[in-house]
Amino acid sequence: MTANTKSVAFFGASTGVGLAALKRTLVAGHNCIALCRDPSKLTAVFPMESTRNLKIIKGNAHDISAVSQCIQTDDGRIVDVIVSTIGAKPRGMAVDDPNLCKKGAATLLNAIAELRSTGITGSPHIIGCSTAGFSRFGRDVPLVMVPIYYLFVSVPGADKVVMEDRFAQSGESFTIIRASHLVDGESNKTIRVGIEDPKTGPETRAIGYTISREDAGRWLVENLVLKSDTKYLNKNVTVTY
């Protein structure tokens, strides 16, 4: 491990944006810890004999004991970066857990506080994956998409908003990624970025229809894990084509 190697904890990395981000972080040589309810989903992608910089912990993001294990390094520190891409699964017009993200945020923040109370140190950069469509400062999706977000995303969107607020009000370093509608497939398309301050509103706007999970994960790693660009620190960041 070199001075430039980071320790990165992942929640929700068995699919989607989280999986794309985990792949790129591992390739870059950083030490990763992933919490997964079913570790076989990750070992099928990352054979442990060939992925020495990945540690997988079985558990879920609402279990403070498992979360605490996931955000600790082997040498007794809190990790440098935490990437949370957890999200509820669709169940018809509803979702399986309408409070999943808000509970996950509370558990993570409680775990950090408990570790510090025992003398374990660290100031992680928390990266939370949210969704476009729910800014308090005006429309951030195309007008024709507004009814779709209202009909199909309002419940998980409300959960994401509470998650955003908990991270923003925690006193921890954070960045919220608000992806537009997620699709499959990696591309060479230009990714446009909007930046919003949670207190004062938009600094730049980017309103678009879609972005792929692979491209959103790539942007996350390139700009928030590898480079740690400070212009995105403590901001809500929209990514879209």
C-alpha atoms as a PDB file:
ATOM      1  CA  MET A   1       0.000   0.000   0.000  1.00  0.00           C
ATOM      2  CA  THR A   2       1.454   3.369  -1.071  1.00  0.00           C
ATOM      3  CA  ALA A   3       0.800   6.841   0.295  1.00  0.00           C
ATOM      4  CA  ASN A   4      -1.531   7.468  -2.657  1.00  0.00           C
ATOM      5  CA  THR A   5      -3.614   4.332  -2.129  1.00  0.00           C
ATOM      6  CA  LYS A   6      -7.062   5.054  -0.731  1.00  0.00           C
ATOM      7  CA  SER A   7      -9.395   2.858   1.279  1.00  0.00           C
ATOM      8  CA  VAL A   8     -12.912   2.926  -0.138  1.00  0.00           C
ATOM      9  CA  ALA A   9     -16.056   1.354   1.359  1.00  0.00           C
ATOM     10  CA  PHE A  10     -18.967   0.435  -0.902  1.00  0.00           C
ATOM     11  CA  PHE A  11     -22.638  -0.087  -0.080  1.00  0.00           C
ATOM     12  CA  GLY A  12     -24.915  -1.317  -2.873  1.00  0.00           C
ATOM     13  CA  ALA A  13     -22.084  -2.296  -5.219  1.00  0.00           C
ATOM     14  CA  SER A  14     -23.451  -5.615  -6.469  1.00  0.00           C
ATOM     15  CA  THR A  15     -25.259  -3.928  -9.375  1.00  0.00           C
ATOM     16  CA  GLY A  16     -25.596  -0.707 -11.337  1.00  0.00           C
ATOM     17  CA  VAL A  17     -23.673   2.470 -10.625  1.00  0.00           C
ATOM     18  CA  GLY A  18     -22.060   0.963  -7.533  1.00  0.00           C
ATOM     19  CA  LEU A  19     -20.723  -2.063  -9.399  1.00  0.00           C
ATOM     20  CA  ALA A  20     -19.329   0.154 -12.168  1.00  0.00           C
ATOM     21  CA  ALA A  21     -17.636   2.362  -9.568  1.00  0.00           C
ATOM     22  CA  LEU A  22     -16.221  -0.617  -7.669  1.00  0.00           C
ATOM     23  CA  LYS A  23     -14.722  -2.100 -10.852  1.00  0.00           C
ATOM     24  CA  ARG A  24     -12.900   1.114 -11.715  1.00  0.00           C
ATOM     25  CA  THR A  25     -11.699   1.722  -8.165  1.00  0.00           C
ATOM     26  CA  LEU A  26     -10.210  -1.774  -7.996  1.00  0.00           C
ATOM     27  CA  VAL A  27      -8.504  -1.382 -11.375  1.00  0.00           C
ATOM     28  CA  ALA A  28      -6.976   1.872 -10.130  1.00  0.00           C
ATOM     29  CA  GLY A  29      -5.332  -0.117  -7.325  1.00  0.00           C
ATOM     30  CA  HIS A  30      -7.218   1.203  -4.319  1.00  0.00           C
ATOM     31  CA  ASN A  31      -8.246  -0.976  -1.384  1.00  0.00           C
ATOM     32  CA  CYS A  32     -11.979  -1.641  -1.415  1.00  0.00           C
ATOM     33  CA  ILE A  33     -14.375  -3.045   1.166  1.00  0.00           C
ATOM     34  CA  ALA A  34     -17.869  -3.958  -0.025  1.00  0.00           C
ATOM     35  CA  LEU A  35     -20.891  -4.777   2.107  1.00  0.00           C
ATOM     36  CA  CYS A  36     -23.189  -7.247   0.374  1.00  0.00           C
ATOM     37  CA  ARG A  37     -26.187  -9.259   1.538  1.00  0.00           C
ATOM     38  CA  ASP A  38     -25.242 -12.020  -0.915  1.00  0.00           C
ATOM     39  CA  PRO A  39     -21.438 -12.055  -1.357  1.00  0.00           C
ATOM     40  CA  SER A  40     -21.728 -14.568  -4.206  1.00  0.00           C
ATOM     41  CA  LYS A  41     -23.002 -11.732  -6.419  1.00  0.00           C
ATOM     42  CA  LEU A  42     -19.638 -10.036  -6.082  1.00  0.00           C
ATOM     43  CA  THR A  43     -17.394 -13.103  -6.010  1.00  0.00           C
ATOM     44  CA  ALA A  44     -18.953 -14.131  -9.327  1.00  0.00           C
ATOM     45  CA  VAL A  45     -17.644 -10.880 -10.800  1.00  0.00           C
ATOM     46  CA  PHE A  46     -14.432 -10.591  -8.787  1.00  0.00           C
ATOM     47  CA  PRO A  47     -12.826 -13.989  -8.059  1.00  0.00           C
ATOM     48  CA  MET A  48     -11.132 -13.509  -4.698  1.00  0.00           C
ATOM     49  CA  GLU A  49      -7.948 -15.290  -5.753  1.00  0.00           C
ATOM     50  CA  SER A  50      -7.336 -12.623  -8.405  1.00  0.00           C
ATOM     51  CA  THR A  51      -8.713  -9.570  -6.587  1.00  0.00           C
ATOM     52  CA  ARG A  52      -6.438  -9.018  -3.629  1.00  0.00           C
ATOM     53  CA  ASN A  53      -7.515  -5.430  -2.984  1.00  0.00           C
ATOM     54  CA  LEU A  54     -11.183  -6.318  -2.386  1.00  0.00           C
ATOM     55  CA  LYS A  55     -12.667  -7.402   0.941  1.00  0.00           C
ATOM     56  CA  ILE A  56     -16.315  -8.469   0.997  1.00  0.00           C
ATOM     57  CA  ILE A  57     -18.374  -8.373   4.179  1.00  0.00           C
ATOM     58  CA  LYS A  58     -21.728 -10.135   4.395  1.00  0.00           C
ATOM     59  CA  GLY A  59     -24.525  -7.996   5.798  1.00  0.00           C
ATOM     60  CA  ASN A  60     -26.903  -5.189   4.981  1.00  0.00           C
ATOM     61  CA  ALA A  61     -26.707  -1.418   5.155  1.00  0.00           C
ATOM     62  CA  HIS A  62     -29.162  -1.183   8.084  1.00  0.00           C
ATOM     63  CA  ASP A  63     -27.030  -3.364  10.384  1.00  0.00           C
ATOM     64  CA  ILE A  64     -24.755  -1.029  12.324  1.00  0.00           C
ATOM     65  CA  SER A  65     -22.341  -3.824  13.230  1.00  0.00           C
ATOM     66  CA  ALA A  66     -21.837  -4.828   9.587  1.00  0.00           C
ATOM     67  CA  VAL A  67     -21.616  -1.192   8.487  1.00  0.00           C
ATOM     68  CA  SER A  68     -18.997  -0.506  11.158  1.00  0.00           C
ATOM     69  CA  GLN A  69     -16.893  -3.417   9.883  1.00  0.00           C
ATOM     70  CA  CYS A  70     -17.177  -2.169   6.322  1.00  0.00           C
ATOM     71  CA  ILE A  71     -15.940   1.345   7.054  1.00  0.00           C
ATOM     72  CA  GLN A  72     -12.850   0.261   9.025  1.00  0.00           C
ATOM     73  CA  THR A  73      -9.455  -0.434   7.506  1.00  0.00           C
ATOM     74  CA  ASP A  74      -7.233  -3.302   8.620  1.00  0.00           C
ATOM     75  CA  ASP A  75      -4.938  -0.832  10.370  1.00  0.00           C
ATOM     76  CA  GLY A  76      -7.734   0.582  12.527  1.00  0.00           C
ATOM     77  CA  ARG A  77      -8.897   3.741  10.763  1.00  0.00           C
ATOM     78  CA  ILE A  78     -12.139   4.868   9.205  1.00  0.00           C
ATOM     79  CA  VAL A  79     -11.874   4.550   5.422  1.00  0.00           C
ATOM     80  CA  ASP A  80     -11.016   7.533   3.222  1.00  0.00           C
ATOM     81  CA  VAL A  81     -14.093   7.346   0.991  1.00  0.00           C
ATOM     82  CA  ILE A  82     -17.573   5.844   1.406  1.00  0.00           C
ATOM     83  CA  VAL A  83     -19.683   5.192  -1.699  1.00  0.00           C
ATOM     84  CA  SER A  84     -23.357   4.432  -1.050  1.00  0.00           C
ATOM     85  CA  THR A  85     -25.482   3.497  -4.050  1.00  0.00           C
ATOM     86  CA  ILE A  86     -28.187   1.622  -2.170  1.00  0.00           C
ATOM     87  CA  GLY A  87     -31.723   1.992  -3.471  1.00  0.00           C
ATOM     88  CA  ALA A  88     -35.133   0.382  -3.191  1.00  0.00           C
ATOM     89  CA  LYS A  89     -36.223  -2.165  -5.783  1.00  0.00           C
ATOM     90  CA  PRO A  90     -39.412  -1.529  -7.811  1.00  0.00           C
ATOM     91  CA  ARG A  91     -42.491  -3.554  -6.870  1.00  0.00           C
ATOM     92  CA  GLY A  92     -45.104  -2.664  -9.459  1.00  0.00           C
ATOM     93  CA  MET A  93     -46.024   0.980  -8.839  1.00  0.00           C
ATOM     94  CA  ALA A  94     -44.298   0.889  -5.436  1.00  0.00           C
ATOM     95  CA  VAL A  95     -40.899  -0.176  -4.038  1.00  0.00           C
ATOM     96  CA  ASP A  96     -39.857  -2.914  -1.645  1.00  0.00           C
ATOM     97  CA  ASP A  97     -38.689  -0.492   1.066  1.00  0.00           C
ATOM     98  CA  PRO A  98     -39.730   3.190   0.869  1.00  0.00           C
ATOM     99  CA  ASN A  99     -37.384   4.090   3.741  1.00  0.00           C
ATOM    100  CA  LEU A 100     -34.293   2.197   2.622  1.00  0.00           C
ATOM    101  CA  CYS A 101     -32.014   5.166   1.852  1.00  0.00           C
ATOM    102  CA  LYS A 102     -32.940   7.308   4.843  1.00  0.00           C
ATOM    103  CA  LYS A 103     -32.368   4.332   7.182  1.00  0.00           C
ATOM    104  CA  GLY A 104     -29.099   3.535   5.451  1.00  0.00           C
ATOM    105  CA  ALA A 105     -27.859   7.120   5.878  1.00  0.00           C
ATOM    106  CA  ALA A 106     -28.784   7.135   9.568  1.00  0.00           C
ATOM    107  CA  THR A 107     -27.060   3.796  10.158  1.00  0.00           C
ATOM    108  CA  LEU A 108     -23.894   4.926   8.388  1.00  0.00           C
ATOM    109  CA  LEU A 109     -23.663   8.193  10.321  1.00  0.00           C
ATOM    110  CA  ASN A 110     -24.330   6.395  13.610  1.00  0.00           C
ATOM    111  CA  ALA A 111     -21.604   3.878  12.788  1.00  0.00           C
ATOM    112  CA  ILE A 112     -19.081   6.654  12.143  1.00  0.00           C
ATOM    113  CA  ALA A 113     -20.018   8.358  15.421  1.00  0.00           C
ATOM    114  CA  GLU A 114     -19.748   5.108  17.399  1.00  0.00           C
ATOM    115  CA  LEU A 115     -16.335   4.297  15.959  1.00  0.00           C
ATOM    116  CA  ARG A 116     -15.050   7.748  16.834  1.00  0.00           C
ATOM    117  CA  SER A 117     -16.397   7.371  20.364  1.00  0.00           C
ATOM    118  CA  THR A 118     -14.067   4.381  20.777  1.00  0.00           C
ATOM    119  CA  GLY A 119     -11.046   6.347  19.598  1.00  0.00           C
ATOM    120  CA  ILE A 120     -11.021   5.228  15.962  1.00  0.00           C
ATOM    121  CA  THR A 121     -10.180   8.207  13.769  1.00  0.00           C
ATOM    122  CA  GLY A 122     -10.950   9.234  10.205  1.00  0.00           C
ATOM    123  CA  SER A 123     -12.821  11.818   8.163  1.00  0.00           C
ATOM    124  CA  PRO A 124     -14.351  10.013   5.187  1.00  0.00           C
ATOM    125  CA  HIS A 125     -15.741  11.645   2.079  1.00  0.00           C
ATOM    126  CA  ILE A 126     -19.285  10.260   1.806  1.00  0.00           C
ATOM    127  CA  ILE A 127     -20.600   9.895  -1.746  1.00  0.00           C
ATOM    128  CA  GLY A 128     -24.336   9.214  -1.848  1.00  0.00           C
ATOM    129  CA  CYS A 129     -26.138   8.229  -5.041  1.00  0.00           C
ATOM    130  CA  SER A 130     -29.511   9.972  -5.376  1.00  0.00           C
ATOM    131  CA  THR A 131     -31.681  10.883  -8.366  1.00  0.00           C
ATOM    132  CA  ALA A 132     -32.498  13.928 -10.429  1.00  0.00           C
ATOM    133  CA  GLY A 133     -36.053  15.223 -10.301  1.00  0.00           C
ATOM    134  CA  PHE A 134     -36.349  16.376  -6.704  1.00  0.00           C
ATOM    135  CA  SER A 135     -34.348  19.579  -6.332  1.00  0.00           C
ATOM    136  CA  ARG A 136     -35.823  22.206  -4.008  1.00  0.00           C
ATOM    137  CA  PHE A 137     -34.536  24.903  -6.331  1.00  0.00           C
ATOM    138  CA  GLY A 138     -36.599  24.312  -9.453  1.00  0.00           C
ATOM    139  CA  ARG A 139     -36.974  21.752 -12.213  1.00  0.00           C
ATOM    140  CA  ASP A 140     -33.842  19.688 -12.881  1.00  0.00           C
ATOM    141  CA  VAL A 141     -35.269  17.239 -15.441  1.00  0.00           C
ATOM    142  CA  PRO A 142     -36.797  17.888 -18.893  1.00  0.00           C
ATOM    143  CA  LEU A 143     -40.382  19.146 -18.707  1.00  0.00           C
ATOM    144  CA  VAL A 144     -41.797  16.071 -20.454  1.00  0.00           C
ATOM    145  CA  MET A 145     -40.185  13.846 -17.803  1.00  0.00           C
ATOM    146  CA  VAL A 146     -41.841  15.582 -14.837  1.00  0.00           C
ATOM    147  CA  PRO A 147     -45.061  13.459 -14.925  1.00  0.00           C
ATOM    148  CA  ILE A 148     -42.985  10.271 -15.156  1.00  0.00           C
ATOM    149  CA  TYR A 149     -40.938  11.182 -12.099  1.00  0.00           C
ATOM    150  CA  TYR A 150     -44.132  12.162 -10.265  1.00  0.00           C
ATOM    151  CA  LEU A 151     -45.918   8.892 -11.077  1.00  0.00           C
ATOM    152  CA  PHE A 152     -43.088   6.383 -10.799  1.00  0.00           C
ATOM    153  CA  VAL A 153     -40.284   7.911  -8.717  1.00  0.00           C
ATOM    154  CA  SER A 154     -42.037  10.042  -6.097  1.00  0.00           C
ATOM    155  CA  VAL A 155     -41.801   7.470  -3.282  1.00  0.00           C
ATOM    156  CA  PRO A 156     -38.121   6.459  -3.717  1.00  0.00           C
ATOM    157  CA  GLY A 157     -37.372  10.090  -4.584  1.00  0.00           C
ATOM    158  CA  ALA A 158     -38.741  11.288  -1.247  1.00  0.00           C
ATOM    159  CA  ASP A 159     -36.566   8.687   0.476  1.00  0.00           C
ATOM    160  CA  LYS A 160     -33.508   9.944  -1.422  1.00  0.00           C
ATOM    161  CA  VAL A 161     -34.265  13.550  -0.383  1.00  0.00           C
ATOM    162  CA  VAL A 162     -34.171  12.590   3.308  1.00  0.00           C
ATOM    163  CA  MET A 163     -30.894  10.739   2.692  1.00  0.00           C
ATOM    164  CA  GLU A 164     -29.442  13.851   1.036  1.00  0.00           C
ATOM    165  CA  ASP A 165     -30.515  16.022   3.966  1.00  0.00           C
ATOM    166  CA  ARG A 166     -29.002  13.665   6.524  1.00  0.00           C
ATOM    167  CA  PHE A 167     -25.631  13.707   4.821  1.00  0.00           C
ATOM    168  CA  ALA A 168     -25.745  17.478   4.226  1.00  0.00           C
ATOM    169  CA  GLN A 169     -26.580  18.205   7.855  1.00  0.00           C
ATOM    170  CA  SER A 170     -24.175  15.670   9.354  1.00  0.00           C
ATOM    171  CA  GLY A 171     -21.042  17.791   9.430  1.00  0.00           C
ATOM    172  CA  GLU A 172     -19.245  15.097   7.393  1.00  0.00           C
ATOM    173  CA  SER A 173     -17.672  15.762   3.995  1.00  0.00           C
ATOM    174  CA  PHE A 174     -20.118  14.628   1.318  1.00  0.00           C
ATOM    175  CA  THR A 175     -21.096  14.738  -2.330  1.00  0.00           C
ATOM    176  CA  ILE A 176     -24.530  13.733  -3.586  1.00  0.00           C
ATOM    177  CA  ILE A 177     -24.688  12.370  -7.136  1.00  0.00           C
ATOM    178  CA  ARG A 178     -28.067  12.958  -8.766  1.00  0.00           C
ATOM    179  CA  ALA A 179     -28.130  10.843 -11.896  1.00  0.00           C
ATOM    180  CA  SER A 180     -30.763  11.374 -14.543  1.00  0.00           C
ATOM    181  CA  HIS A 181     -32.773   8.323 -15.698  1.00  0.00           C
ATOM    182  CA  LEU A 182     -30.379   5.362 -15.606  1.00  0.00           C
ATOM    183  CA  VAL A 183     -29.935   3.112 -18.645  1.00  0.00           C
ATOM    184  CA  ASP A 184     -27.567   0.276 -19.529  1.00  0.00           C
ATOM    185  CA  GLY A 185     -24.391   0.370 -21.564  1.00  0.00           C
ATOM    186  CA  GLU A 186     -21.104   2.231 -21.514  1.00  0.00           C
ATOM    187  CA  SER A 187     -20.641   5.021 -24.065  1.00  0.00           C
ATOM    188  CA  ASN A 188     -18.360   7.813 -25.263  1.00  0.00           C
ATOM    189  CA  LYS A 189     -21.041  10.440 -24.781  1.00  0.00           C
ATOM    190  CA  THR A 190     -20.153  13.705 -23.093  1.00  0.00           C
ATOM    191  CA  ILE A 191     -21.322  13.793 -19.485  1.00  0.00           C
ATOM    192  CA  ARG A 192     -22.769  17.144 -18.468  1.00  0.00           C
ATOM    193  CA  VAL A 193     -22.567  18.192 -14.832  1.00  0.00           C
ATOM    194  CA  GLY A 194     -24.751  20.483 -12.750  1.00  0.00           C
ATOM    195  CA  ILE A 195     -23.694  21.685  -9.307  1.00  0.00           C
ATOM    196  CA  GLU A 196     -26.117  22.732  -6.563  1.00  0.00           C
ATOM    197  CA  ASP A 197     -25.333  24.008  -3.097  1.00  0.00           C
ATOM    198  CA  PRO A 198     -27.831  22.480  -0.643  1.00  0.00           C
ATOM    199  CA  LYS A 199     -28.286  25.857   1.073  1.00  0.00           C
ATOM    200  CA  THR A 200     -28.063  28.448  -1.704  1.00  0.00           C
ATOM    201  CA  GLY A 201     -29.130  26.572  -4.827  1.00  0.00           C
ATOM    202  CA  PRO A 202     -27.730  25.949  -8.330  1.00  0.00           C
ATOM    203  CA  GLU A 203     -24.263  27.067  -9.332  1.00  0.00           C
ATOM    204  CA  THR A 204     -24.465  25.429 -12.769  1.00  0.00           C
ATOM    205  CA  ARG A 205     -27.350  23.498 -14.344  1.00  0.00           C
ATOM    206  CA  ALA A 206     -27.409  20.310 -16.401  1.00  0.00           C
ATOM    207  CA  ILE A 207     -30.835  19.040 -17.447  1.00  0.00           C
ATOM    208  CA  GLY A 208     -30.955  15.837 -19.461  1.00  0.00           C
ATOM    209  CA  TYR A 209     -32.907  12.663 -20.085  1.00  0.00           C
ATOM    210  CA  THR A 210     -30.554   9.773 -19.338  1.00  0.00           C
ATOM    211  CA  ILE A 211     -27.130   8.523 -18.342  1.00  0.00           C
ATOM    212  CA  SER A 212     -25.892   4.947 -18.229  1.00  0.00           C
ATOM    213  CA  ARG A 213     -25.039   3.212 -14.996  1.00  0.00           C
ATOM    214  CA  GLU A 214     -21.543   2.463 -16.311  1.00  0.00           C
ATOM    215  CA  ASP A 215     -20.890   6.083 -17.272  1.00  0.00           C
ATOM    216  CA  ALA A 216     -22.256   7.436 -13.982  1.00  0.00           C
ATOM    217  CA  GLY A 217     -19.994   5.038 -12.087  1.00  0.00           C
ATOM    218  CA  ARG A 218     -17.011   6.039 -14.210  1.00  0.00           C
ATOM    219  CA  TRP A 219     -17.654   9.742 -13.605  1.00  0.00           C
ATOM    220  CA  LEU A 220     -17.983   9.131  -9.870  1.00  0.00           C
ATOM    221  CA  VAL A 221     -14.624   7.384  -9.636  1.00  0.00           C
ATOM    222  CA  GLU A 222     -12.716   9.716 -11.954  1.00  0.00           C
ATOM    223  CA  ASN A 223     -13.913  12.899 -10.239  1.00  0.00           C
ATOM    224  CA  LEU A 224     -14.597  11.941  -6.627  1.00  0.00           C
ATOM    225  CA  VAL A 225     -12.359   8.970  -5.820  1.00  0.00           C
ATOM    226  CA  LEU A 226      -9.269   9.362  -7.998  1.00  0.00           C
ATOM    227  CA  LYS A 227      -9.125  13.168  -8.203  1.00  0.00           C
ATOM    228  CA  SER A 228     -11.260  14.259  -5.235  1.00  0.00           C
ATOM    229  CA  ASP A 229     -12.213  17.472  -7.053  1.00  0.00           C
ATOM    230  CA  THR A 230     -13.031  20.004  -4.316  1.00  0.00           C
ATOM    231  CA  LYS A 231     -15.545  21.911  -6.434  1.00  0.00           C
ATOM    232  CA  TYR A 232     -17.927  19.011  -5.821  1.00  0.00           C
ATOM    233  CA  LEU A 233     -17.320  18.872  -2.059  1.00  0.00           C
ATOM    234  CA  ASN A 234     -20.492  19.339   0.015  1.00  0.00           C
ATOM    235  CA  LYS A 235     -22.557  19.790  -3.149  1.00  0.00           C
ATOM    236  CA  ASN A 236     -25.385  18.058  -4.967  1.00  0.00           C
ATOM    237  CA  VAL A 237     -24.114  17.098  -8.413  1.00  0.00           C
ATOM    238  CA  THR A 238     -26.321  16.197 -11.393  1.00  0.00           C
ATOM    239  CA  VAL A 239     -24.791  13.925 -14.046  1.00  0.00           C
ATOM    240  CA  THR A 240     -26.503  13.437 -17.398  1.00  0.00           C
ATOM    241  CA  TYR A 241     -25.861  13.271 -21.138  1.00  0.00           C
END
